N, C-alpha and C. Protein backbone atom coordinates (compact mmCIF):
# COMPACT_ATOMS: atom_id res chain seq x y z
N MET A 1 -3.86 0.61 -9.36
CA MET A 1 -4.94 0.30 -9.23
C MET A 1 -5.55 0.40 -10.57
N ILE A 2 -5.17 1.16 -11.64
CA ILE A 2 -5.94 1.02 -12.80
C ILE A 2 -5.01 0.39 -13.96
N ASP A 3 -4.17 -0.59 -13.39
CA ASP A 3 -3.38 -1.53 -14.41
C ASP A 3 -2.24 -0.78 -15.34
N LYS A 4 -1.78 0.23 -14.61
CA LYS A 4 -0.72 1.02 -15.19
C LYS A 4 0.80 0.70 -14.87
N ILE A 5 0.97 0.17 -13.69
CA ILE A 5 2.20 -0.34 -13.01
C ILE A 5 2.55 -1.40 -13.81
N PRO A 6 3.94 -1.32 -14.21
CA PRO A 6 4.39 -2.57 -15.00
C PRO A 6 4.71 -3.66 -14.30
N THR A 7 3.85 -4.43 -13.44
CA THR A 7 3.89 -5.66 -12.90
C THR A 7 4.08 -6.82 -13.71
N ASP A 8 4.69 -7.94 -13.28
CA ASP A 8 4.76 -8.83 -14.24
C ASP A 8 3.63 -9.38 -14.93
N ASP A 9 2.58 -9.48 -14.15
CA ASP A 9 1.02 -9.85 -15.05
C ASP A 9 0.78 -8.79 -16.13
N ILE A 10 1.08 -7.59 -15.89
CA ILE A 10 0.97 -6.42 -16.92
C ILE A 10 1.72 -6.74 -18.10
N LEU A 11 2.79 -6.84 -17.63
CA LEU A 11 3.96 -7.05 -18.82
C LEU A 11 3.62 -8.35 -19.58
N SER A 12 3.43 -9.34 -18.97
CA SER A 12 2.96 -10.51 -19.75
C SER A 12 1.67 -10.37 -20.63
N CYS A 13 0.59 -9.97 -20.32
CA CYS A 13 -0.50 -9.69 -20.92
C CYS A 13 -0.56 -8.55 -22.02
N ARG A 14 0.07 -7.57 -21.75
CA ARG A 14 -0.23 -6.19 -22.64
C ARG A 14 1.13 -6.25 -23.50
N ARG A 15 2.23 -6.72 -22.98
CA ARG A 15 3.44 -6.67 -23.89
C ARG A 15 4.11 -7.80 -24.27
N SER A 16 3.22 -9.03 -24.30
CA SER A 16 3.76 -10.12 -24.52
C SER A 16 5.21 -10.42 -24.14
N CYS A 17 5.52 -10.08 -22.73
CA CYS A 17 6.78 -10.29 -22.36
C CYS A 17 6.64 -11.27 -21.23
N HIS A 18 6.75 -12.56 -21.39
CA HIS A 18 6.56 -13.52 -20.68
C HIS A 18 7.57 -13.99 -19.51
N LEU A 19 7.58 -13.54 -18.58
CA LEU A 19 8.70 -13.97 -17.66
C LEU A 19 8.42 -14.92 -16.44
N PRO A 20 9.27 -15.70 -15.99
CA PRO A 20 9.26 -16.38 -14.81
C PRO A 20 8.78 -15.72 -13.66
N SER A 21 7.70 -15.76 -13.18
CA SER A 21 7.05 -14.56 -12.23
C SER A 21 7.42 -14.99 -10.63
N ILE A 22 7.90 -14.34 -9.79
CA ILE A 22 8.06 -14.74 -8.44
C ILE A 22 7.89 -13.19 -7.86
N CYS A 23 7.35 -13.42 -6.57
CA CYS A 23 7.10 -12.05 -5.78
C CYS A 23 8.71 -11.94 -5.32
N SER A 24 9.27 -10.92 -5.59
CA SER A 24 10.61 -10.24 -5.09
C SER A 24 10.49 -10.05 -3.55
N LEU A 25 9.29 -9.73 -2.84
CA LEU A 25 9.31 -9.39 -1.53
C LEU A 25 9.11 -10.81 -0.50
N CYS A 26 8.35 -11.66 -0.85
CA CYS A 26 8.14 -12.71 -0.11
C CYS A 26 8.59 -14.31 -0.84
N ASN A 27 9.06 -14.13 -2.02
CA ASN A 27 9.43 -15.42 -2.86
C ASN A 27 8.50 -16.30 -3.06
N SER A 28 7.06 -15.93 -3.07
CA SER A 28 5.86 -16.80 -3.45
C SER A 28 5.83 -16.81 -5.06
N CYS A 29 5.43 -17.80 -5.60
CA CYS A 29 4.98 -17.68 -6.81
C CYS A 29 3.81 -17.04 -7.28
N ALA A 30 3.67 -15.94 -7.09
CA ALA A 30 2.63 -14.94 -7.46
C ALA A 30 2.80 -13.93 -8.17
N LYS A 31 2.35 -13.59 -9.37
CA LYS A 31 2.53 -12.72 -10.30
C LYS A 31 1.81 -11.41 -10.33
N TYR A 32 0.68 -11.38 -9.50
CA TYR A 32 -0.25 -10.56 -10.03
C TYR A 32 -0.12 -9.32 -9.10
N TYR A 33 -0.75 -8.17 -9.34
CA TYR A 33 -0.58 -6.81 -8.77
C TYR A 33 -1.25 -6.66 -7.28
N PHE A 34 -2.40 -7.78 -7.37
CA PHE A 34 -3.14 -7.85 -6.38
C PHE A 34 -2.04 -8.38 -5.05
N HIS A 35 -1.63 -9.56 -5.47
CA HIS A 35 -0.45 -10.14 -4.56
C HIS A 35 0.62 -9.15 -4.14
N LEU A 36 0.81 -8.38 -4.93
CA LEU A 36 2.28 -7.75 -4.34
C LEU A 36 1.52 -6.50 -3.50
N PHE A 37 0.48 -5.82 -3.60
CA PHE A 37 0.00 -4.77 -3.15
C PHE A 37 -0.86 -5.18 -1.66
N PHE A 38 -1.30 -6.30 -1.77
CA PHE A 38 -2.20 -6.83 -0.72
C PHE A 38 -2.42 -8.21 -0.02
N ASP A 39 -1.59 -9.03 -0.85
CA ASP A 39 -1.49 -10.44 -0.33
C ASP A 39 -0.27 -10.94 0.14
N CYS A 40 0.80 -10.34 -0.42
CA CYS A 40 2.38 -10.57 -0.09
C CYS A 40 2.22 -10.16 1.33
N ALA A 41 3.27 -11.15 2.08
CA ALA A 41 3.59 -10.92 3.70
C ALA A 41 4.01 -9.24 4.07
N TYR A 42 4.88 -9.11 2.99
CA TYR A 42 5.49 -7.76 3.31
C TYR A 42 4.26 -6.76 3.25
N ALA A 43 3.31 -6.72 2.39
CA ALA A 43 2.37 -5.72 2.35
C ALA A 43 1.15 -6.04 3.43
N LEU A 44 1.00 -7.41 3.80
CA LEU A 44 0.16 -7.49 4.95
C LEU A 44 0.55 -7.02 6.16
N ASN A 45 2.14 -6.92 6.43
CA ASN A 45 2.50 -6.46 7.63
C ASN A 45 2.20 -4.70 7.56
N LEU A 46 2.38 -4.25 6.55
CA LEU A 46 2.08 -2.91 6.55
C LEU A 46 0.47 -2.32 6.52
N SER A 47 -0.41 -3.44 6.03
CA SER A 47 -1.69 -3.21 6.18
C SER A 47 -2.19 -3.24 7.64
N ARG A 48 -1.49 -4.40 8.17
CA ARG A 48 -1.85 -4.54 9.62
C ARG A 48 -1.57 -3.41 10.56
N TRP A 49 -0.44 -2.83 10.25
CA TRP A 49 0.02 -1.67 10.93
C TRP A 49 -0.87 -0.52 10.84
N LEU A 50 -1.57 -0.25 9.67
CA LEU A 50 -2.70 0.99 9.47
C LEU A 50 -3.93 0.35 10.34
N ALA A 51 -4.22 -0.90 10.00
CA ALA A 51 -5.61 -1.30 10.60
C ALA A 51 -5.36 -1.26 12.11
N SER A 52 -4.23 -1.46 12.51
CA SER A 52 -4.02 -1.52 13.95
C SER A 52 -4.12 0.33 14.48
N ASN A 53 -3.81 0.94 13.90
CA ASN A 53 -3.69 2.38 13.91
C ASN A 53 -5.19 3.08 13.77
N ILE A 54 -6.04 2.52 13.01
CA ILE A 54 -7.41 2.98 12.84
C ILE A 54 -8.37 1.89 13.40
N ASN A 55 -8.12 0.86 14.28
CA ASN A 55 -8.85 0.16 14.92
C ASN A 55 -9.84 -0.54 13.84
N TYR A 56 -9.45 -1.04 12.90
CA TYR A 56 -10.29 -1.62 11.81
C TYR A 56 -9.60 -2.83 11.03
N THR A 57 -10.33 -3.86 11.00
CA THR A 57 -10.01 -5.05 10.31
C THR A 57 -10.02 -5.06 8.71
N PHE A 58 -9.05 -5.31 8.24
CA PHE A 58 -8.74 -5.45 6.65
C PHE A 58 -8.89 -6.86 6.23
N ASN A 59 -9.77 -7.12 5.15
CA ASN A 59 -9.82 -8.36 4.68
C ASN A 59 -10.09 -8.34 3.17
N PHE A 60 -9.17 -7.58 2.42
CA PHE A 60 -9.24 -7.34 1.05
C PHE A 60 -9.24 -8.23 0.24
N GLN A 61 -10.17 -8.77 -0.87
CA GLN A 61 -10.24 -9.92 -1.65
C GLN A 61 -10.22 -9.33 -3.04
N THR A 62 -10.58 -7.89 -3.24
CA THR A 62 -10.56 -7.32 -4.65
C THR A 62 -10.36 -5.83 -4.38
N LYS A 63 -9.65 -5.15 -5.29
CA LYS A 63 -9.44 -3.83 -5.23
C LYS A 63 -10.70 -2.92 -4.89
N GLU A 64 -11.58 -3.31 -5.23
CA GLU A 64 -12.83 -2.50 -5.21
C GLU A 64 -13.22 -2.52 -3.49
N GLU A 65 -12.87 -3.54 -2.93
CA GLU A 65 -12.79 -3.46 -1.40
C GLU A 65 -12.03 -2.52 -0.69
N ILE A 66 -11.01 -2.20 -1.26
CA ILE A 66 -10.06 -1.30 -0.79
C ILE A 66 -10.55 0.18 -0.82
N TRP A 67 -10.94 0.27 -1.95
CA TRP A 67 -11.49 1.66 -1.90
C TRP A 67 -12.77 1.76 -1.38
N ASN A 68 -13.59 0.83 -1.20
CA ASN A 68 -14.75 0.74 -0.34
C ASN A 68 -14.21 1.15 1.08
N LEU A 69 -13.32 0.77 1.57
CA LEU A 69 -12.77 1.16 2.97
C LEU A 69 -12.54 2.59 3.03
N CYS A 70 -12.15 3.35 1.84
CA CYS A 70 -12.28 4.82 1.70
C CYS A 70 -13.21 5.30 1.77
N ASN A 71 -14.26 4.74 0.97
CA ASN A 71 -15.67 5.38 0.95
C ASN A 71 -16.48 5.08 2.39
N ASN A 72 -16.11 4.25 3.19
CA ASN A 72 -16.91 3.92 4.33
C ASN A 72 -17.64 5.17 5.03
N SER A 73 -17.98 5.01 6.00
CA SER A 73 -18.74 6.02 6.69
C SER A 73 -17.89 6.83 7.56
N TRP A 74 -16.77 6.96 7.07
CA TRP A 74 -15.86 8.16 8.07
C TRP A 74 -16.29 9.56 7.55
N ASN A 75 -15.81 10.38 8.59
CA ASN A 75 -15.70 11.64 8.26
C ASN A 75 -15.10 12.30 7.13
N PRO A 76 -15.04 13.38 6.37
CA PRO A 76 -14.11 13.71 5.31
C PRO A 76 -12.62 13.56 5.83
N PRO A 77 -12.32 14.19 6.99
CA PRO A 77 -10.74 14.01 7.16
C PRO A 77 -10.29 12.56 7.50
N CYS A 78 -10.92 11.94 8.01
CA CYS A 78 -10.64 10.35 8.18
C CYS A 78 -10.45 9.80 6.66
N LYS A 79 -11.55 9.99 5.93
CA LYS A 79 -11.53 9.39 4.47
C LYS A 79 -10.21 9.96 3.82
N TYR A 80 -9.83 11.36 4.13
CA TYR A 80 -8.59 11.67 3.30
C TYR A 80 -7.35 11.02 4.09
N VAL A 81 -7.21 10.85 5.31
CA VAL A 81 -5.95 10.11 6.03
C VAL A 81 -6.02 8.74 5.51
N ILE A 82 -6.96 8.07 5.48
CA ILE A 82 -6.92 6.64 5.05
C ILE A 82 -6.67 6.65 3.77
N THR A 83 -7.28 7.16 2.92
CA THR A 83 -6.83 7.34 1.25
C THR A 83 -5.42 7.48 1.23
N ALA A 84 -4.74 8.53 1.62
CA ALA A 84 -3.58 9.02 1.69
C ALA A 84 -2.55 7.70 2.33
N SER A 85 -2.94 7.11 3.39
CA SER A 85 -2.23 5.95 4.08
C SER A 85 -2.07 4.89 2.83
N ILE A 86 -3.32 4.63 2.27
CA ILE A 86 -3.31 2.96 1.65
C ILE A 86 -2.10 3.75 0.16
N ILE A 87 -2.51 4.89 -0.05
CA ILE A 87 -1.82 5.23 -1.35
C ILE A 87 -0.14 5.10 -0.98
N ASN A 88 0.15 5.78 0.33
CA ASN A 88 1.52 5.88 0.77
C ASN A 88 1.91 4.28 0.84
N ILE A 89 1.09 3.61 1.37
CA ILE A 89 1.76 1.95 1.58
C ILE A 89 1.82 1.42 0.10
N CYS A 90 1.21 1.66 -0.58
CA CYS A 90 1.33 0.99 -2.07
C CYS A 90 2.86 1.71 -2.48
N ASN A 91 3.00 2.82 -2.35
CA ASN A 91 4.06 3.61 -2.96
C ASN A 91 5.41 2.91 -2.27
N GLU A 92 5.35 2.69 -0.93
CA GLU A 92 6.52 2.04 -0.25
C GLU A 92 6.70 0.67 -0.84
N ILE A 93 5.74 -0.01 -0.80
CA ILE A 93 5.81 -1.44 -1.42
C ILE A 93 6.45 -1.49 -2.59
N TRP A 94 5.95 -0.71 -3.58
CA TRP A 94 6.54 -0.68 -5.07
C TRP A 94 7.98 -0.14 -4.95
N PHE A 95 8.20 0.53 -4.16
CA PHE A 95 9.64 1.10 -3.84
C PHE A 95 10.58 -0.06 -3.51
N ALA A 96 10.02 -0.75 -2.26
CA ALA A 96 10.70 -1.80 -1.65
C ALA A 96 11.04 -3.01 -2.74
N ARG A 97 9.91 -3.36 -3.28
CA ARG A 97 10.25 -4.38 -4.59
C ARG A 97 11.33 -3.90 -5.55
N ASN A 98 11.22 -2.72 -6.00
CA ASN A 98 12.12 -2.29 -7.05
C ASN A 98 13.44 -2.13 -6.63
N GLN A 99 13.72 -1.89 -5.00
CA GLN A 99 15.02 -1.90 -4.46
C GLN A 99 15.70 -3.32 -4.44
N LEU A 100 14.85 -4.37 -4.08
CA LEU A 100 15.02 -5.69 -4.16
C LEU A 100 15.30 -6.10 -5.51
N ARG A 101 14.67 -5.87 -6.40
CA ARG A 101 14.75 -6.31 -7.74
C ARG A 101 15.91 -5.80 -8.43
N PHE A 102 15.96 -4.43 -8.39
CA PHE A 102 16.93 -3.89 -9.21
C PHE A 102 18.48 -3.52 -8.46
N GLN A 103 18.37 -3.29 -7.21
CA GLN A 103 19.24 -2.93 -6.57
C GLN A 103 19.82 -3.98 -5.57
N ASN A 104 19.03 -5.19 -5.49
CA ASN A 104 19.67 -6.21 -4.53
C ASN A 104 19.73 -5.84 -3.00
N LYS A 105 18.62 -4.88 -2.85
CA LYS A 105 18.55 -4.25 -1.29
C LYS A 105 17.24 -4.88 -0.80
N LYS A 106 17.44 -5.68 0.23
CA LYS A 106 16.13 -5.98 0.97
C LYS A 106 15.94 -4.98 2.16
N ILE A 107 14.93 -4.08 2.19
CA ILE A 107 14.65 -3.36 3.31
C ILE A 107 13.45 -3.95 4.10
N PRO A 108 13.56 -4.07 5.18
CA PRO A 108 12.68 -4.57 6.23
C PRO A 108 11.34 -3.58 6.21
N TRP A 109 10.12 -4.38 6.36
CA TRP A 109 8.99 -3.36 6.15
C TRP A 109 8.76 -2.38 7.22
N LYS A 110 9.43 -2.82 8.56
CA LYS A 110 9.23 -1.68 9.52
C LYS A 110 10.14 -0.55 9.27
N THR A 111 10.79 -0.51 8.50
CA THR A 111 11.84 0.58 8.03
C THR A 111 10.86 1.53 7.37
N TYR A 112 9.73 1.47 6.65
CA TYR A 112 9.00 2.14 5.83
C TYR A 112 7.71 2.67 6.70
N LEU A 113 7.65 2.35 7.88
CA LEU A 113 6.61 2.63 8.74
C LEU A 113 6.70 4.26 9.01
N ALA A 114 7.93 4.63 9.41
CA ALA A 114 8.42 6.13 9.57
C ALA A 114 7.94 7.15 8.24
N SER A 115 8.23 6.50 7.20
CA SER A 115 7.96 7.24 5.89
C SER A 115 6.53 7.15 5.45
N ILE A 116 5.78 6.14 5.78
CA ILE A 116 4.24 6.20 5.45
C ILE A 116 3.54 7.34 6.42
N ALA A 117 3.94 7.40 7.59
CA ALA A 117 3.41 7.94 8.63
C ALA A 117 3.62 9.50 8.36
N SER A 118 4.96 9.81 8.13
CA SER A 118 5.34 11.06 7.80
C SER A 118 4.94 11.69 6.33
N SER A 119 4.62 10.76 5.28
CA SER A 119 4.03 11.22 4.14
C SER A 119 2.91 11.59 4.44
N THR A 120 1.84 10.48 4.99
CA THR A 120 0.68 10.73 5.23
C THR A 120 0.21 12.14 6.08
N ALA A 121 0.98 12.50 7.26
CA ALA A 121 1.03 13.56 8.04
C ALA A 121 1.39 14.85 7.23
N LEU A 122 2.28 14.77 6.22
CA LEU A 122 2.48 16.04 5.19
C LEU A 122 1.37 16.25 4.58
N LEU A 123 0.86 15.15 3.87
CA LEU A 123 -0.46 15.31 3.08
C LEU A 123 -1.53 15.92 4.17
N GLY A 124 -1.73 15.36 5.25
CA GLY A 124 -2.69 15.99 6.12
C GLY A 124 -2.63 17.54 6.42
N ASN A 125 -1.07 17.76 6.74
CA ASN A 125 -1.01 19.09 7.04
C ASN A 125 -1.39 20.24 5.76
N LEU A 126 -1.22 19.56 4.66
CA LEU A 126 -1.40 20.47 3.49
C LEU A 126 -2.90 20.44 3.19
N SER A 127 -3.68 19.62 3.73
CA SER A 127 -5.15 19.69 3.56
C SER A 127 -5.82 20.74 4.20
N LYS A 128 -6.86 21.28 3.80
CA LYS A 128 -7.64 22.51 4.22
C LYS A 128 -8.38 21.91 5.68
N PHE A 129 -8.92 20.80 5.34
CA PHE A 129 -9.95 20.21 6.34
C PHE A 129 -9.39 19.24 7.26
N VAL A 130 -7.96 18.85 7.19
CA VAL A 130 -7.83 17.96 8.41
C VAL A 130 -7.24 18.76 9.41
N THR A 131 -7.74 18.47 10.64
CA THR A 131 -7.54 19.56 11.91
C THR A 131 -6.52 18.70 12.70
N PHE A 132 -6.64 17.56 12.70
CA PHE A 132 -5.51 16.59 13.62
C PHE A 132 -4.38 16.55 13.46
N THR A 133 -3.39 16.48 14.44
CA THR A 133 -2.09 16.38 13.87
C THR A 133 -1.32 15.15 14.10
N ASN A 134 -1.98 14.04 14.83
CA ASN A 134 -1.44 12.92 14.99
C ASN A 134 -2.43 11.78 14.77
N VAL A 135 -2.03 10.53 14.93
CA VAL A 135 -2.80 9.39 15.08
C VAL A 135 -3.58 9.23 16.25
N SER A 136 -3.21 9.79 17.35
CA SER A 136 -4.24 9.61 18.56
C SER A 136 -5.24 10.52 18.24
N ASN A 137 -4.86 11.98 17.83
CA ASN A 137 -6.08 12.93 17.52
C ASN A 137 -6.91 12.13 16.51
N PHE A 138 -6.46 11.24 15.53
CA PHE A 138 -7.25 10.69 14.52
C PHE A 138 -8.27 9.52 15.39
N MET A 139 -7.64 8.85 16.15
CA MET A 139 -8.24 7.88 16.67
C MET A 139 -9.84 8.51 17.54
């Protein structure tokens, strides 16, 4: 989110490393980090999964809107879980992209749902103020 991940657009701008850029996950001609994490069909599927779990509609146009979701009028445990979920989704998207790009392994997005849920639950369990144990309690 602070332009530190070596996506194609960052490599092109900061390191003068011009690459023919295509999204590894959806094969569209988009090179920007925002596409990879929020516009790509792969990312949209993961975002829709989170949106359905928290009964919310996502329509992100900028990265600021993503963090505004986290700062919405949620109670503190909800903010914590939603922020953790978004971070875990971004982490899994980056991992899936790297698996495809460097190992030629295409992993379906549904495969990551359990990983995202368990990583978020683990963070929730480690938190002092999150008192619910599953998504139904969260809802």
